[in-house]
Amino acid sequence: MKLSEFKFDLPQSLIALHPSDRGESRLMVVHRKTGEIEHKSFSDLINYFDDGDVMAINDTKVFPARLYGQKEKTGAKIEVFLLRELNREMRLWDVLVDPARKIRVGNKLYFGDSDLVAEVIDNTTSRGRTIRFLYDGDNDAFMKLVDELGETPLPPEIITRRKVESSDRERFQTIFAEHIGAVAAPTAGLHFTKAMMKRLEIKGVDFAPITLHVGLGTFRNVDVEDLTKHKTDSENYRITQASADVINKAIDAKKRVCAVGTTSLKAIESSVSASGHLKAVEGWTDKFVFPPYDFKIANAMISNFQLPESILLMSACAFGGYDLIMKAYEIAIKEKYKFFTYGDAMLII
């Protein structure tokens, strides 16, 4: 398929700048077999799942990856966005910098009241740099300092229109977040409440935690018309044997396996055995899911409403069918559903 096929006009007013209370977002339910589209509340999700069904949830934890500081000597203000750790012992990180033209190899960067210092050691892309933090403490102390100095990494579509607020630190995190490593939230999981998960568990629905540390590659613009030529950034992921067993039991029993979010979908479809079962794994995936795609594990999916021409929209179209999902998006705009990170949700079954 072509990039231009995923273009649509999205009013800026429909990009949610603040979230609804957890569990109170709107929910569009899309039935793949019949084409029926229902308008519900996220709290109605429980009505679509039964005993033995499984939800694959991404338990990655977002860390405050956006650091503001200044250059040595000039004191010029700079922004560093931490993408991923390259070498823990040497404190090497892959980052994006702004303004890029002023941040060169050899520059020292200061954060806070010089609590944290980094040196630029390599250029990777026009805005990409490799930096080394000059810090002698252990990793826990280092990450604690990053947590204190860093800002919640809300996407540009939000922070260009409002400032980051203290409430974002809690709200940009799922209630089941456990393993630190994401620079963006797995947004479909933001809707869940403890009470809702308990109700689903009482009904017999299992939760299978998987970990995929969401990187900026998930949101990076596609800049080629031919989607087969797009390369995605690798993201670190892990599926335990226990979670694989829970999902495989549901597969064998022909129950519903619901990927909560495109990142969960990407993870479970990245580790499929020849028999169509999920394999335990720890590694990296650069899987790019776009139509047409033959899904092996998931037969249900929850997703937020995504931006035009985004990888996330392509994944939803691959799962729900291009024509049906694009029709659903037309209806969502007409019905004024909220889009993107803090927006409403869609269940595709």
Protein backbone atom coordinates (compact mmCIF):
# COMPACT_ATOMS: atom_id res chain seq x y z
CA MET A 1 0.00 0.00 0.00
CA LYS A 2 0.94 3.65 -0.38
CA LEU A 3 1.53 6.24 2.33
CA SER A 4 -0.97 8.62 0.73
CA GLU A 5 -3.77 6.08 1.26
CA PHE A 6 -3.54 6.78 5.01
CA LYS A 7 -4.01 10.52 4.69
CA PHE A 8 -7.15 12.16 6.06
CA ASP A 9 -8.15 15.58 7.34
CA LEU A 10 -8.09 15.67 11.13
CA PRO A 11 -9.32 18.85 12.84
CA GLN A 12 -6.74 19.99 15.40
CA SER A 13 -9.57 20.41 17.89
CA LEU A 14 -10.00 16.63 18.00
CA ILE A 15 -6.44 15.97 19.24
CA ALA A 16 -6.95 15.56 22.98
CA LEU A 17 -4.72 17.84 25.05
CA HIS A 18 -5.86 16.32 28.36
CA PRO A 19 -7.10 12.81 29.15
CA SER A 20 -10.53 11.80 30.35
CA ASP A 21 -10.64 10.10 33.73
CA ARG A 22 -9.37 6.54 33.43
CA GLY A 23 -12.10 4.19 32.24
CA GLU A 24 -14.39 7.02 31.13
CA SER A 25 -13.21 7.56 27.57
CA ARG A 26 -15.51 6.81 24.69
CA LEU A 27 -15.13 3.42 23.01
CA MET A 28 -15.93 2.66 19.40
CA VAL A 29 -16.45 -1.06 18.81
CA VAL A 30 -15.71 -2.26 15.27
CA HIS A 31 -16.91 -5.73 14.20
CA ARG A 32 -14.74 -7.06 11.41
CA LYS A 33 -17.12 -9.80 10.22
CA THR A 34 -20.27 -7.69 9.94
CA GLY A 35 -18.87 -4.19 9.59
CA GLU A 36 -21.08 -3.05 12.46
CA ILE A 37 -19.84 -0.04 14.43
CA GLU A 38 -21.04 0.63 17.98
CA HIS A 39 -20.57 3.67 20.20
CA LYS A 40 -19.89 2.78 23.83
CA SER A 41 -17.96 3.85 26.91
CA PHE A 42 -14.63 2.21 27.77
CA SER A 43 -16.27 0.79 30.89
CA ASP A 44 -18.44 -1.33 28.55
CA LEU A 45 -15.33 -3.23 27.41
CA ILE A 46 -16.07 -6.02 29.88
CA ASN A 47 -19.20 -7.00 27.90
CA TYR A 48 -17.09 -8.15 24.94
CA PHE A 49 -14.92 -10.65 26.82
CA ASP A 50 -15.61 -14.00 28.47
CA ASP A 51 -14.01 -16.71 30.57
CA GLY A 52 -10.72 -17.89 29.05
CA ASP A 53 -10.10 -14.80 26.94
CA VAL A 54 -6.73 -13.08 27.33
CA MET A 55 -5.52 -9.51 27.13
CA ALA A 56 -1.88 -8.95 26.22
CA ILE A 57 -0.85 -5.77 28.05
CA ASN A 58 2.39 -3.83 27.65
CA ASP A 59 3.87 -3.30 31.13
CA THR A 60 6.67 -0.97 30.03
CA LYS A 61 7.17 2.10 32.21
CA VAL A 62 7.77 5.57 30.80
CA PHE A 63 10.67 7.53 32.23
CA PRO A 64 10.96 11.36 32.05
CA ALA A 65 13.12 11.33 28.93
CA ARG A 66 13.12 15.04 28.09
CA LEU A 67 15.97 16.97 29.76
CA TYR A 68 16.46 20.72 29.61
CA GLY A 69 19.93 22.15 30.20
CA GLN A 70 22.60 24.47 28.92
CA LYS A 71 25.85 24.30 26.97
CA GLU A 72 29.17 24.91 28.66
CA LYS A 73 30.70 28.39 28.31
CA THR A 74 27.82 29.98 26.35
CA GLY A 75 25.04 28.86 28.68
CA ALA A 76 22.77 28.48 25.65
CA LYS A 77 19.56 26.61 26.47
CA ILE A 78 19.32 23.12 24.99
CA GLU A 79 16.96 20.14 25.01
CA VAL A 80 18.07 16.51 25.07
CA PHE A 81 15.59 13.70 24.50
CA LEU A 82 16.86 10.34 25.76
CA LEU A 83 16.01 7.62 23.25
CA ARG A 84 17.75 4.54 24.59
CA GLU A 85 20.65 3.39 26.70
CA LEU A 86 23.54 2.06 24.60
CA ASN A 87 25.99 1.03 27.32
CA ARG A 88 25.07 1.13 31.00
CA GLU A 89 28.62 0.84 32.34
CA MET A 90 29.88 3.71 30.17
CA ARG A 91 26.63 5.72 30.55
CA LEU A 92 26.27 5.99 26.77
CA TRP A 93 22.88 7.10 25.43
CA ASP A 94 21.34 7.58 22.01
CA VAL A 95 19.57 10.97 22.10
CA LEU A 96 17.91 13.68 20.04
CA VAL A 97 19.07 17.26 20.59
CA ASP A 98 17.66 20.72 19.96
CA PRO A 99 18.92 23.07 18.59
CA ALA A 100 20.94 20.48 16.70
CA ARG A 101 23.15 22.94 14.80
CA LYS A 102 24.58 24.26 18.07
CA ILE A 103 25.33 20.92 19.73
CA ARG A 104 28.55 19.41 18.41
CA VAL A 105 30.94 16.59 19.24
CA GLY A 106 33.04 17.56 22.24
CA ASN A 107 30.45 19.90 23.77
CA LYS A 108 29.63 19.47 27.45
CA LEU A 109 25.98 19.78 28.46
CA TYR A 110 24.81 20.69 31.97
CA PHE A 111 21.46 19.76 33.51
CA GLY A 112 19.87 21.11 36.68
CA ASP A 113 22.31 23.08 38.82
CA SER A 114 25.12 21.16 37.12
CA ASP A 115 23.85 18.06 38.97
CA LEU A 116 24.29 16.09 35.79
CA VAL A 117 26.87 16.60 33.05
CA ALA A 118 27.12 14.92 29.65
CA GLU A 119 29.60 15.04 26.80
CA VAL A 120 28.67 14.72 23.13
CA ILE A 121 30.82 12.00 21.59
CA ASP A 122 29.24 11.30 18.18
CA ASN A 123 26.75 12.54 15.57
CA THR A 124 24.29 9.86 14.44
CA THR A 125 21.70 11.79 12.39
CA SER A 126 20.92 15.46 11.80
CA ARG A 127 19.37 15.68 15.28
CA GLY A 128 20.77 12.46 16.71
CA ARG A 129 23.78 12.31 19.01
CA THR A 130 25.54 9.80 21.21
CA ILE A 131 26.29 11.29 24.61
CA ARG A 132 28.16 10.04 27.67
CA PHE A 133 26.96 11.08 31.10
CA LEU A 134 29.84 11.90 33.44
CA TYR A 135 28.34 10.30 36.53
CA ASP A 136 30.10 8.07 39.06
CA GLY A 137 27.15 6.69 41.06
CA ASP A 138 25.36 3.40 40.45
CA ASN A 139 22.58 3.03 37.87
CA ASP A 140 19.74 3.34 40.39
CA ALA A 141 21.12 6.67 41.60
CA PHE A 142 21.63 7.82 38.01
CA MET A 143 18.05 6.98 36.99
CA LYS A 144 16.76 8.64 40.16
CA LEU A 145 18.55 11.82 39.11
CA VAL A 146 17.11 11.57 35.59
CA ASP A 147 13.68 11.10 37.17
CA GLU A 148 14.16 14.27 39.21
CA LEU A 149 15.53 16.42 36.38
CA GLY A 150 13.56 15.04 33.44
CA GLU A 151 10.17 16.04 32.08
CA THR A 152 7.32 13.71 31.09
CA PRO A 153 7.90 13.06 27.36
CA LEU A 154 4.53 14.12 25.98
CA PRO A 155 4.46 14.17 22.16
CA PRO A 156 4.96 17.42 20.21
CA GLU A 157 1.28 17.47 19.18
CA ILE A 158 0.48 18.19 22.84
CA ILE A 159 3.44 20.19 24.18
CA THR A 160 3.34 22.68 21.31
CA ARG A 161 -0.14 23.63 22.53
CA ARG A 162 0.23 23.41 26.30
CA LYS A 163 2.87 22.98 28.99
CA VAL A 164 3.58 19.68 30.70
CA GLU A 165 1.70 19.53 34.00
CA SER A 166 2.52 17.67 37.20
CA SER A 167 -0.51 15.41 36.66
CA ASP A 168 0.98 14.17 33.37
CA ARG A 169 3.64 12.18 35.23
CA GLU A 170 0.95 9.88 36.64
CA ARG A 171 -1.51 10.07 33.74
CA PHE A 172 1.07 9.28 31.02
CA GLN A 173 1.63 5.92 32.71
CA THR A 174 -0.53 2.79 32.69
CA ILE A 175 -1.60 1.43 36.06
CA PHE A 176 0.27 -1.80 35.27
CA ALA A 177 3.56 -0.12 34.23
CA GLU A 178 6.47 -2.02 35.79
CA HIS A 179 9.66 -2.13 33.70
CA ILE A 180 11.33 1.24 33.03
CA GLY A 181 12.45 1.87 29.47
CA ALA A 182 9.78 3.61 27.36
CA VAL A 183 10.00 7.15 26.02
CA ALA A 184 6.30 7.14 25.12
CA ALA A 185 3.29 5.51 26.73
CA PRO A 186 1.52 2.46 25.30
CA THR A 187 -1.58 4.60 25.05
CA ALA A 188 -4.32 1.96 24.74
CA GLY A 189 -3.40 0.82 28.24
CA LEU A 190 -3.98 4.28 29.72
CA HIS A 191 -7.74 3.68 29.82
CA PHE A 192 -7.67 0.76 32.27
CA THR A 193 -8.53 1.12 35.96
CA LYS A 194 -7.81 -1.34 38.74
CA ALA A 195 -11.55 -1.83 39.24
CA MET A 196 -12.09 -2.65 35.57
CA MET A 197 -9.22 -5.14 35.53
CA LYS A 198 -10.64 -6.77 38.65
CA ARG A 199 -14.07 -7.08 37.02
CA LEU A 200 -12.51 -8.69 33.96
CA GLU A 201 -10.53 -11.11 36.14
CA ILE A 202 -13.68 -12.07 38.06
CA LYS A 203 -15.29 -12.83 34.69
CA GLY A 204 -12.40 -15.19 33.92
CA VAL A 205 -10.35 -12.97 31.62
CA ASP A 206 -6.58 -13.39 31.99
CA PHE A 207 -3.95 -10.69 31.61
CA ALA A 208 -0.64 -11.60 29.98
CA PRO A 209 1.99 -8.90 30.58
CA ILE A 210 4.56 -8.42 27.87
CA THR A 211 7.20 -5.70 27.73
CA LEU A 212 8.01 -3.58 24.70
CA HIS A 213 9.92 -0.41 25.48
CA VAL A 214 8.22 2.10 23.22
CA GLY A 215 10.72 4.22 21.29
CA LEU A 216 10.23 7.19 19.02
CA GLY A 217 10.34 4.84 16.04
CA THR A 218 6.73 3.96 16.80
CA PHE A 219 5.79 7.57 16.10
CA ARG A 220 8.40 8.51 13.52
CA ASN A 221 7.03 9.94 10.28
CA VAL A 222 6.99 7.64 7.28
CA ASP A 223 8.76 9.51 4.48
CA VAL A 224 8.46 7.03 1.61
CA GLU A 225 5.34 6.53 -0.51
CA ASP A 226 6.03 2.79 -0.93
CA LEU A 227 5.50 1.33 2.55
CA THR A 228 7.62 -1.74 1.79
CA LYS A 229 10.65 0.58 1.76
CA HIS A 230 10.06 2.06 5.22
CA LYS A 231 12.46 0.95 7.95
CA THR A 232 11.39 1.18 11.58
CA ASP A 233 13.70 1.62 14.54
CA SER A 234 14.28 -1.47 16.66
CA GLU A 235 12.61 -1.63 20.06
CA ASN A 236 13.59 -3.85 22.97
CA TYR A 237 10.96 -6.40 24.01
CA ARG A 238 10.46 -9.38 26.27
CA ILE A 239 7.81 -12.09 26.51
CA THR A 240 8.08 -14.44 29.47
CA GLN A 241 7.30 -18.14 29.27
CA ALA A 242 4.44 -17.61 31.73
CA SER A 243 2.76 -15.03 29.48
CA ALA A 244 3.37 -17.15 26.39
CA ASP A 245 1.71 -20.11 28.14
CA VAL A 246 -1.37 -18.05 29.06
CA ILE A 247 -1.79 -16.80 25.49
CA ASN A 248 -1.13 -20.21 23.92
CA LYS A 249 -3.76 -21.78 26.17
CA ALA A 250 -6.29 -19.27 24.83
CA ILE A 251 -5.19 -19.95 21.24
CA ASP A 252 -5.68 -23.69 21.69
CA ALA A 253 -9.10 -23.14 23.28
CA LYS A 254 -10.05 -20.79 20.41
CA LYS A 255 -10.62 -17.95 22.83
CA ARG A 256 -10.13 -14.26 22.26
CA VAL A 257 -6.54 -12.96 22.40
CA CYS A 258 -6.73 -9.18 22.59
CA ALA A 259 -3.66 -7.04 21.98
CA VAL A 260 -3.99 -3.95 24.15
CA GLY A 261 -2.38 -1.44 21.84
CA THR A 262 -0.27 -1.55 18.71
CA THR A 263 2.90 -2.09 20.75
CA SER A 264 1.50 -5.27 22.32
CA LEU A 265 0.36 -6.34 18.86
CA LYS A 266 3.83 -5.74 17.46
CA ALA A 267 5.47 -7.70 20.28
CA ILE A 268 3.31 -10.82 20.09
CA GLU A 269 3.40 -10.92 16.30
CA SER A 270 7.22 -10.70 16.44
CA SER A 271 7.66 -14.05 18.17
CA VAL A 272 5.48 -16.66 16.48
CA SER A 273 6.36 -20.36 16.21
CA ALA A 274 5.83 -22.46 13.09
CA SER A 275 2.72 -23.92 14.74
CA GLY A 276 1.19 -20.47 15.22
CA HIS A 277 1.93 -20.21 18.93
CA LEU A 278 3.68 -17.50 20.92
CA LYS A 279 7.32 -18.06 21.89
CA ALA A 280 9.06 -16.63 24.95
CA VAL A 281 11.72 -14.18 23.84
CA GLU A 282 14.01 -11.36 24.90
CA GLY A 283 15.51 -9.21 22.19
CA TRP A 284 14.76 -6.50 19.62
CA THR A 285 12.05 -6.12 17.02
CA ASP A 286 11.75 -3.80 14.04
CA LYS A 287 8.52 -5.35 12.75
CA PHE A 288 6.41 -2.96 10.71
CA VAL A 289 2.77 -4.05 10.56
CA PHE A 290 0.82 -2.62 7.62
CA PRO A 291 -1.85 -3.97 5.23
CA PRO A 292 -2.06 -6.68 4.11
CA TYR A 293 -0.83 -8.67 7.11
CA ASP A 294 -1.63 -12.21 8.23
CA PHE A 295 -2.01 -12.12 12.01
CA LYS A 296 -1.05 -15.32 13.84
CA ILE A 297 -1.72 -14.53 17.50
CA ALA A 298 -4.16 -11.67 18.10
CA ASN A 299 -7.83 -11.85 17.12
CA ALA A 300 -8.93 -8.68 18.94
CA MET A 301 -7.24 -5.34 19.44
CA ILE A 302 -7.64 -2.11 21.40
CA SER A 303 -6.18 1.08 19.96
CA ASN A 304 -6.50 4.82 20.37
CA PHE A 305 -7.51 6.90 17.37
CA GLN A 306 -4.26 7.61 15.56
CA LEU A 307 -2.88 10.45 13.48
CA PRO A 308 -2.96 10.50 9.65
CA GLU A 309 -0.16 8.62 7.87
CA SER A 310 1.12 7.18 11.16
CA ILE A 311 2.55 3.71 11.65
CA LEU A 312 -0.05 3.18 14.37
CA LEU A 313 -2.92 3.86 11.96
CA MET A 314 -1.39 1.43 9.48
CA SER A 315 -1.27 -1.28 12.15
CA ALA A 316 -4.94 -0.72 13.00
CA CYS A 317 -5.88 -0.89 9.31
CA ALA A 318 -3.89 -4.09 8.89
CA PHE A 319 -5.83 -5.64 11.75
CA GLY A 320 -9.33 -4.33 11.08
CA GLY A 321 -9.21 -4.07 7.31
CA TYR A 322 -8.30 -0.87 5.49
CA ASP A 323 -11.76 0.08 4.21
CA LEU A 324 -13.56 -0.63 7.49
CA ILE A 325 -11.07 1.22 9.70
CA MET A 326 -10.90 4.26 7.43
CA LYS A 327 -14.72 4.31 7.42
CA ALA A 328 -14.65 4.08 11.24
CA TYR A 329 -12.25 7.04 11.35
CA GLU A 330 -14.60 9.09 9.16
CA ILE A 331 -17.39 8.36 11.62
CA ALA A 332 -15.11 9.13 14.57
CA ILE A 333 -14.39 12.59 13.17
CA LYS A 334 -18.08 13.22 12.48
CA GLU A 335 -18.98 12.07 16.02
CA LYS A 336 -16.13 14.12 17.50
CA TYR A 337 -14.16 11.31 19.11
CA LYS A 338 -10.89 12.48 20.62
CA PHE A 339 -7.65 11.41 18.92
CA PHE A 340 -4.09 10.42 19.77
CA THR A 341 -2.25 9.90 23.07
CA TYR A 342 -4.91 11.20 25.45
CA GLY A 343 -7.86 10.43 23.19
CA ASP A 344 -10.64 7.84 23.00
CA ALA A 345 -10.35 4.13 22.23
CA MET A 346 -11.38 1.65 19.57
CA LEU A 347 -12.00 -2.07 20.09
CA ILE A 348 -11.62 -4.15 16.93
CA ILE A 349 -13.13 -7.65 17.19
